[in-house]
Amino acid sequence: MHIRSCTLGLVCATAISSAFGCDFCLISQGISPLQSLSGAGLRVNERYSVLGSVYQGTDEVTNPNAREEFWTTEISGFYGVSEDFLLMLNVPVRSTHGDGGVSTGAEGNVALDTARGGDDGAGDIAAFGRYTFLRHHALTSTTLVAATLGVKLPSGSTEGRDDNGGFLDAHIQLGTGSTDILMGLSASHAIDRFSLAANVLASITTEGEFGATPHQFGDSLNYDITAKYRVLPTVLNNSSMRWFISLGVNGECRGHEHEEGVLVFDSGGHVLYITPGLQAIIGKKWIFETTYQAAIFHDLNGTQLGEDYKVTGSLTYLF
C-alpha cells in the first residue's frame, strides 16, 4: 500500500484517476446518519459535481478549457436487523461527462488532452452493515458511536468510449471494474438543540480496468465533521415539522493511481470543503436534506482538474 501524509494530519492512500473528482466511494449517508438512518427505509440522494479549475500542488493555474461534470443518483435501502445492527444496499445511477483533460507537460506546463465524451447508466453497487457499539443516554444528551464494514462490487460498465471512439478515462467510466472493501466509523453527540456528527469512510481497492487496460484506483479516505442546530421548534414538542441548519468540514484524501502496474504521476492528493446544509424532518416518515460543498483547499499531485463544488439533495422515507 502506498501511503502519503494529508493536510490536517489525516492519512490517505492510493487512488484516483487523472482528475481528482471521481466519487466512487462517496456513498452519501446524510448530515447525521446515526440519527436519520435507523429502523427501515428508502433513501434517494442526488449529487452534482463540477471540476473546472486546474491545480499543480496547492497552486491554481490557467485552465486550457478542460471541464468535467458528474451526476450521481443513489438509491439506498436500509433495514435495522436489531436496534444496533443495520444493513444497507446502495445502487448508483451515474451520468459522466469530460470535456478535455489535463496533465503535466514536458516542461512542467499544463498539457491538454482534447478527448471528449461521457456515459450514462448504473454504477458500482455497494452493500454494508453498520453496528452501533456505544449508546449513552443521559438526561440532556445522547452519544452514539458505530462501525461500518462493506463491499463495493464491479457492477458498473467500464466500456464507455469517447467521441473519437477510444475508451473513456477510468474516472469517466460508470464503474471501476474492481471489488473494493469499505470501512468506516461514525459518531454523534446531541445536546438539546445542538448535535455534532463525525464520519470517516475508507475504501481499500483491488485492480480493475477501463476497456482492456488494467487500472487500480487505489485506497481512499473521506471524512467529515458537522455541527447541526434545530431552528424550529425552539422547544421539542409534537410539531409535525422540525427544521435544522448545519455547517461542516469535509475532506477527501487520494493517492496515486496505477495503470498497467505503473504509477500515474498526475493523480491523488487532498481536497477540503466547507459544507453548509439544511435538514427538515416531516412527521415521523420523511427526511429532506440538502448540502453545498465548496472546495476551499486543494493539494494535488502533478497537474489535475480540481473539484469546484458539489451540490447534494436527498429524500428519505422511514417505514
Protein backbone atom coordinates (compact mmCIF):
# COMPACT_ATOMS: atom_id res chain seq x y z
CA MET A 1 0.00 0.00 0.00
CA HIS A 2 1.35 3.42 -0.95
CA ILE A 3 0.87 5.95 1.83
CA ARG A 4 1.21 9.73 1.79
CA SER A 5 0.54 12.29 4.52
CA CYS A 6 -2.50 14.56 4.16
CA THR A 7 -3.07 18.05 5.48
CA LEU A 8 -4.73 18.15 8.92
CA GLY A 9 -2.66 15.13 9.93
CA LEU A 10 -5.04 12.64 8.32
CA VAL A 11 -3.64 9.64 6.50
CA CYS A 12 -4.68 8.71 2.99
CA ALA A 13 -3.58 6.13 0.47
CA THR A 14 -3.63 5.39 -3.19
CA ALA A 15 -6.43 6.42 -5.51
CA ILE A 16 -7.98 8.49 -8.27
CA SER A 17 -7.50 8.87 -11.97
CA SER A 18 -6.08 11.84 -13.86
CA ALA A 19 -8.81 14.07 -12.46
CA PHE A 20 -9.49 14.28 -8.75
CA GLY A 21 -13.25 14.48 -8.80
CA CYS A 22 -14.14 10.81 -9.05
CA ASP A 23 -16.64 9.92 -6.35
CA PHE A 24 -16.82 6.13 -6.47
CA CYS A 25 -16.54 5.71 -2.70
CA LEU A 26 -18.55 8.78 -1.71
CA ILE A 27 -21.56 6.84 -0.53
CA SER A 28 -23.78 9.52 0.94
CA GLN A 29 -25.29 8.75 4.32
CA GLY A 30 -26.56 12.25 5.07
CA ILE A 31 -25.86 15.04 7.53
CA SER A 32 -26.31 12.89 10.65
CA PRO A 33 -26.57 9.21 9.60
CA LEU A 34 -26.74 7.76 13.12
CA GLN A 35 -29.82 9.88 13.79
CA SER A 36 -31.53 9.70 10.37
CA LEU A 37 -30.69 6.21 9.02
CA SER A 38 -32.33 3.95 11.57
CA GLY A 39 -35.06 1.35 11.54
CA ALA A 40 -36.01 0.65 7.92
CA GLY A 41 -36.45 2.93 4.94
CA LEU A 42 -35.59 4.08 1.45
CA ARG A 43 -33.32 6.99 0.54
CA VAL A 44 -32.81 8.78 -2.78
CA ASN A 45 -29.75 11.03 -2.98
CA GLU A 46 -28.81 13.25 -5.93
CA ARG A 47 -25.27 14.63 -6.23
CA TYR A 48 -23.83 17.01 -8.86
CA SER A 49 -20.07 17.65 -9.04
CA VAL A 50 -18.17 20.18 -11.17
CA LEU A 51 -14.43 20.22 -11.94
CA GLY A 52 -13.46 23.42 -13.72
CA SER A 53 -10.14 24.53 -12.19
CA VAL A 54 -6.58 23.26 -12.74
CA TYR A 55 -4.10 22.78 -9.89
CA GLN A 56 -0.43 21.96 -9.59
CA GLY A 57 0.06 21.14 -5.94
CA THR A 58 -1.71 23.88 -4.00
CA ASP A 59 -1.46 26.44 -6.83
CA GLU A 60 -4.32 27.14 -9.21
CA VAL A 61 -3.00 27.61 -12.75
CA THR A 62 -4.57 28.62 -16.05
CA ASN A 63 -7.18 26.16 -17.29
CA PRO A 64 -6.95 25.44 -21.06
CA ASN A 65 -10.77 24.99 -21.15
CA ALA A 66 -10.98 21.49 -19.65
CA ARG A 67 -14.05 20.60 -17.58
CA GLU A 68 -15.78 17.58 -16.07
CA GLU A 69 -19.27 17.06 -14.65
CA PHE A 70 -20.75 14.14 -12.71
CA TRP A 71 -24.38 13.44 -11.83
CA THR A 72 -24.94 10.59 -9.38
CA THR A 73 -28.33 9.34 -8.20
CA GLU A 74 -28.04 6.93 -5.27
CA ILE A 75 -30.99 4.73 -4.37
CA SER A 76 -30.46 3.16 -0.95
CA GLY A 77 -32.49 0.72 1.07
CA PHE A 78 -31.72 0.09 4.74
CA TYR A 79 -33.08 -2.30 7.32
CA GLY A 80 -32.41 -2.50 11.04
CA VAL A 81 -31.92 -6.15 11.93
CA SER A 82 -31.78 -5.07 15.56
CA GLU A 83 -31.52 -1.78 17.42
CA ASP A 84 -27.73 -1.83 16.96
CA PHE A 85 -27.22 -3.56 13.60
CA LEU A 86 -28.33 -2.02 10.29
CA LEU A 87 -27.89 -3.37 6.72
CA MET A 88 -27.78 -1.04 3.70
CA LEU A 89 -27.69 -1.52 -0.09
CA ASN A 90 -26.65 1.39 -2.32
CA VAL A 91 -27.41 1.39 -6.08
CA PRO A 92 -25.99 4.39 -8.01
CA VAL A 93 -27.04 5.65 -11.44
CA ARG A 94 -24.40 7.91 -12.96
CA SER A 95 -24.03 10.43 -15.78
CA THR A 96 -20.44 11.43 -16.53
CA HIS A 97 -19.00 13.93 -18.99
CA GLY A 98 -15.45 15.04 -19.69
CA ASP A 99 -14.59 17.97 -21.96
CA GLY A 100 -10.83 17.60 -22.25
CA GLY A 101 -8.27 16.53 -19.68
CA VAL A 102 -5.01 17.92 -18.31
CA SER A 103 -1.59 16.53 -17.37
CA THR A 104 1.95 17.72 -16.77
CA GLY A 105 3.77 18.64 -20.00
CA ALA A 106 7.43 18.02 -20.79
CA GLU A 107 8.45 21.43 -19.43
CA GLY A 108 6.17 21.31 -16.39
CA ASN A 109 3.42 23.20 -18.18
CA VAL A 110 -0.25 22.20 -18.47
CA ALA A 111 -0.82 19.75 -21.34
CA LEU A 112 -4.37 19.44 -22.73
CA ASP A 113 -5.98 16.22 -23.92
CA THR A 114 -8.86 17.24 -26.18
CA ALA A 115 -10.79 13.96 -25.95
CA ARG A 116 -14.45 14.49 -25.06
CA GLY A 117 -17.25 12.18 -24.03
CA GLY A 118 -19.17 10.54 -21.22
CA ASP A 119 -21.53 7.74 -20.31
CA ASP A 120 -24.86 7.14 -18.57
CA GLY A 121 -26.08 4.14 -16.63
CA ALA A 122 -25.77 2.08 -13.46
CA GLY A 123 -22.62 2.41 -11.38
CA ASP A 124 -21.00 0.11 -8.83
CA ILE A 125 -23.36 -1.33 -6.23
CA ALA A 126 -22.27 -1.24 -2.58
CA ALA A 127 -23.59 -3.21 0.39
CA PHE A 128 -22.58 -2.77 4.01
CA GLY A 129 -23.53 -3.25 7.61
CA ARG A 130 -23.37 -0.73 10.45
CA TYR A 131 -23.03 -1.76 14.08
CA THR A 132 -23.62 0.75 16.87
CA PHE A 133 -21.31 -0.40 19.64
CA LEU A 134 -21.78 2.54 22.00
CA ARG A 135 -25.01 4.15 23.15
CA HIS A 136 -25.08 6.55 26.06
CA HIS A 137 -28.28 8.33 27.00
CA ALA A 138 -28.31 10.98 29.73
CA LEU A 139 -30.99 13.43 30.81
CA THR A 140 -29.74 16.15 28.46
CA SER A 141 -27.56 14.35 25.90
CA THR A 142 -27.20 11.30 23.67
CA THR A 143 -23.93 9.82 22.35
CA LEU A 144 -23.70 7.17 19.61
CA VAL A 145 -20.65 5.52 18.01
CA ALA A 146 -20.86 2.97 15.16
CA ALA A 147 -18.59 1.00 12.83
CA THR A 148 -19.27 0.21 9.17
CA LEU A 149 -17.98 -2.65 7.02
CA GLY A 150 -18.99 -3.32 3.43
CA VAL A 151 -18.07 -4.11 -0.14
CA LYS A 152 -18.37 -2.27 -3.46
CA LEU A 153 -18.96 -4.61 -6.40
CA PRO A 154 -17.80 -4.12 -10.03
CA SER A 155 -21.32 -3.83 -11.47
CA GLY A 156 -20.87 -0.60 -13.45
CA SER A 157 -19.72 -0.59 -17.08
CA THR A 158 -16.06 0.13 -17.89
CA GLU A 159 -16.55 0.05 -21.67
CA GLY A 160 -17.61 3.66 -22.30
CA ARG A 161 -15.99 5.39 -25.28
CA ASP A 162 -15.18 9.00 -26.08
CA ASP A 163 -16.25 10.94 -29.17
CA ASN A 164 -13.20 9.66 -31.06
CA GLY A 165 -14.03 6.00 -30.40
CA GLY A 166 -11.35 5.40 -27.77
CA PHE A 167 -12.11 4.22 -24.26
CA LEU A 168 -13.01 6.92 -21.74
CA ASP A 169 -10.51 7.56 -18.95
CA ALA A 170 -11.10 5.38 -15.90
CA HIS A 171 -12.68 8.13 -13.80
CA ILE A 172 -15.21 8.95 -16.55
CA GLN A 173 -16.37 5.32 -16.74
CA LEU A 174 -19.54 4.35 -14.88
CA GLY A 175 -17.73 1.72 -12.79
CA THR A 176 -14.26 0.79 -11.60
CA GLY A 177 -14.12 -2.90 -12.57
CA SER A 178 -12.82 -3.66 -9.08
CA THR A 179 -14.15 -5.18 -5.87
CA ASP A 180 -13.39 -2.81 -3.01
CA ILE A 181 -13.69 -3.06 0.77
CA LEU A 182 -15.40 -0.22 2.65
CA MET A 183 -14.63 0.54 6.30
CA GLY A 184 -15.86 3.41 8.40
CA LEU A 185 -16.62 4.95 11.77
CA SER A 186 -19.45 7.32 12.70
CA ALA A 187 -20.16 9.20 15.89
CA SER A 188 -22.75 11.71 17.06
CA HIS A 189 -23.34 13.68 20.23
CA ALA A 190 -26.58 15.60 20.76
CA ILE A 191 -27.36 18.14 23.50
CA ASP A 192 -30.75 19.86 23.41
CA ARG A 193 -30.90 21.77 20.07
CA PHE A 194 -27.28 21.09 19.09
CA SER A 195 -25.60 17.98 17.72
CA LEU A 196 -22.15 17.14 16.40
CA ALA A 197 -21.53 14.28 13.93
CA ALA A 198 -18.26 12.87 12.59
CA ASN A 199 -17.82 10.26 9.88
CA VAL A 200 -14.86 8.52 8.24
CA LEU A 201 -15.19 6.18 5.24
CA ALA A 202 -12.18 4.37 3.78
CA SER A 203 -12.04 2.32 0.58
CA ILE A 204 -9.44 -0.43 0.07
CA THR A 205 -9.36 -1.29 -3.61
CA THR A 206 -8.28 -4.07 -5.93
CA GLU A 207 -7.28 -3.88 -9.58
CA GLY A 208 -9.98 -3.16 -12.15
CA GLU A 209 -9.84 -1.91 -15.71
CA PHE A 210 -11.19 0.53 -18.26
CA GLY A 211 -11.69 -1.14 -21.62
CA ALA A 212 -8.91 -3.74 -21.74
CA THR A 213 -6.41 -1.65 -19.71
CA PRO A 214 -5.60 -2.83 -16.15
CA HIS A 215 -6.16 0.01 -13.71
CA GLN A 216 -6.32 0.46 -9.95
CA PHE A 217 -7.95 3.47 -8.31
CA GLY A 218 -6.31 2.60 -5.03
CA ASP A 219 -7.30 3.31 -1.45
CA SER A 220 -9.05 6.48 -0.30
CA LEU A 221 -10.28 8.24 2.80
CA ASN A 222 -13.29 10.58 3.05
CA TYR A 223 -14.10 12.34 6.31
CA ASP A 224 -16.40 14.99 7.73
CA ILE A 225 -17.35 16.72 10.96
CA THR A 226 -20.68 18.55 11.05
CA ALA A 227 -22.45 20.72 13.60
CA LYS A 228 -26.27 20.80 13.44
CA TYR A 229 -28.72 23.16 15.16
CA ARG A 230 -32.50 22.79 15.47
CA VAL A 231 -34.02 26.11 14.37
CA LEU A 232 -37.67 25.12 14.81
CA PRO A 233 -39.35 24.24 17.04
CA THR A 234 -37.37 26.02 19.73
CA VAL A 235 -38.81 23.61 22.30
CA LEU A 236 -39.13 19.98 21.25
CA ASN A 237 -42.80 19.03 21.16
CA ASN A 238 -45.26 17.21 18.94
CA SER A 239 -44.69 19.56 15.99
CA SER A 240 -45.20 17.88 12.61
CA MET A 241 -42.06 19.52 11.17
CA ARG A 242 -38.57 20.13 12.54
CA TRP A 243 -36.01 22.36 10.76
CA PHE A 244 -32.23 22.14 11.20
CA ILE A 245 -29.27 24.03 9.78
CA SER A 246 -25.79 22.54 9.62
CA LEU A 247 -22.22 23.52 8.89
CA GLY A 248 -19.46 21.01 8.26
CA VAL A 249 -15.90 20.46 7.10
CA ASN A 250 -15.39 17.64 4.61
CA GLY A 251 -12.18 16.19 3.21
CA GLU A 252 -11.17 13.70 0.52
CA CYS A 253 -7.73 12.10 0.52
CA ARG A 254 -6.43 10.25 -2.53
CA GLY A 255 -3.07 8.83 -3.51
CA HIS A 256 -1.61 7.86 -6.87
CA GLU A 257 -3.48 5.53 -9.20
CA HIS A 258 -1.78 2.75 -11.15
CA GLU A 259 -2.28 1.93 -14.82
CA GLU A 260 -0.86 -1.34 -16.15
CA GLY A 261 1.09 -1.54 -12.90
CA VAL A 262 2.74 1.86 -13.40
CA LEU A 263 2.18 4.77 -11.01
CA VAL A 264 0.39 7.73 -12.63
CA PHE A 265 2.14 10.97 -11.61
CA ASP A 266 -0.84 13.28 -12.21
CA SER A 267 -3.16 11.70 -9.66
CA GLY A 268 -4.06 11.81 -5.99
CA GLY A 269 -3.97 14.46 -3.31
CA HIS A 270 -6.26 16.16 -0.82
CA VAL A 271 -9.29 18.42 -1.16
CA LEU A 272 -11.02 20.24 1.70
CA TYR A 273 -14.60 21.59 1.62
CA ILE A 274 -16.83 23.84 3.72
CA THR A 275 -20.36 22.41 3.72
CA PRO A 276 -23.46 24.32 4.81
CA GLY A 277 -26.70 22.34 4.86
CA LEU A 278 -30.41 22.24 5.63
CA GLN A 279 -32.47 19.38 7.04
CA ALA A 280 -36.23 19.04 7.52
CA ILE A 281 -37.95 16.17 9.33
CA ILE A 282 -41.61 15.96 8.35
CA GLY A 283 -43.78 13.96 10.70
CA LYS A 284 -42.26 10.58 11.55
CA LYS A 285 -41.74 9.34 7.99
CA TRP A 286 -39.93 11.90 5.81
CA ILE A 287 -36.47 13.49 5.98
CA PHE A 288 -35.27 16.07 3.45
CA GLU A 289 -31.63 17.22 3.29
CA THR A 290 -29.58 19.47 1.04
CA THR A 291 -25.91 20.48 1.24
CA TYR A 292 -23.45 22.57 -0.75
CA GLN A 293 -19.78 21.54 -0.65
CA ALA A 294 -17.50 24.42 -1.64
CA ALA A 295 -13.88 23.38 -2.21
CA ILE A 296 -11.60 25.73 -0.24
CA PHE A 297 -8.24 23.93 -0.42
CA HIS A 298 -6.51 21.69 -2.97
CA ASP A 299 -3.19 19.87 -2.63
CA LEU A 300 -3.00 17.71 -5.78
CA ASN A 301 -0.11 15.70 -7.20
CA GLY A 302 1.19 16.80 -10.60
CA THR A 303 -1.32 18.64 -12.79
CA GLN A 304 -5.01 17.88 -12.32
CA LEU A 305 -8.51 19.22 -12.68
CA GLY A 306 -9.74 20.08 -9.21
CA GLU A 307 -13.29 19.98 -7.94
CA ASP A 308 -15.02 23.36 -7.57
CA TYR A 309 -18.15 22.24 -5.72
CA LYS A 310 -20.74 19.54 -5.07
CA VAL A 311 -24.48 20.05 -4.58
CA THR A 312 -26.43 17.27 -2.87
CA GLY A 313 -30.11 16.73 -2.12
CA SER A 314 -31.82 13.71 -0.59
CA LEU A 315 -35.21 12.42 0.47
CA THR A 316 -35.60 9.60 2.97
CA TYR A 317 -38.79 7.66 3.76
CA LEU A 318 -38.92 5.69 7.02
CA PHE A 319 -41.19 2.66 7.16
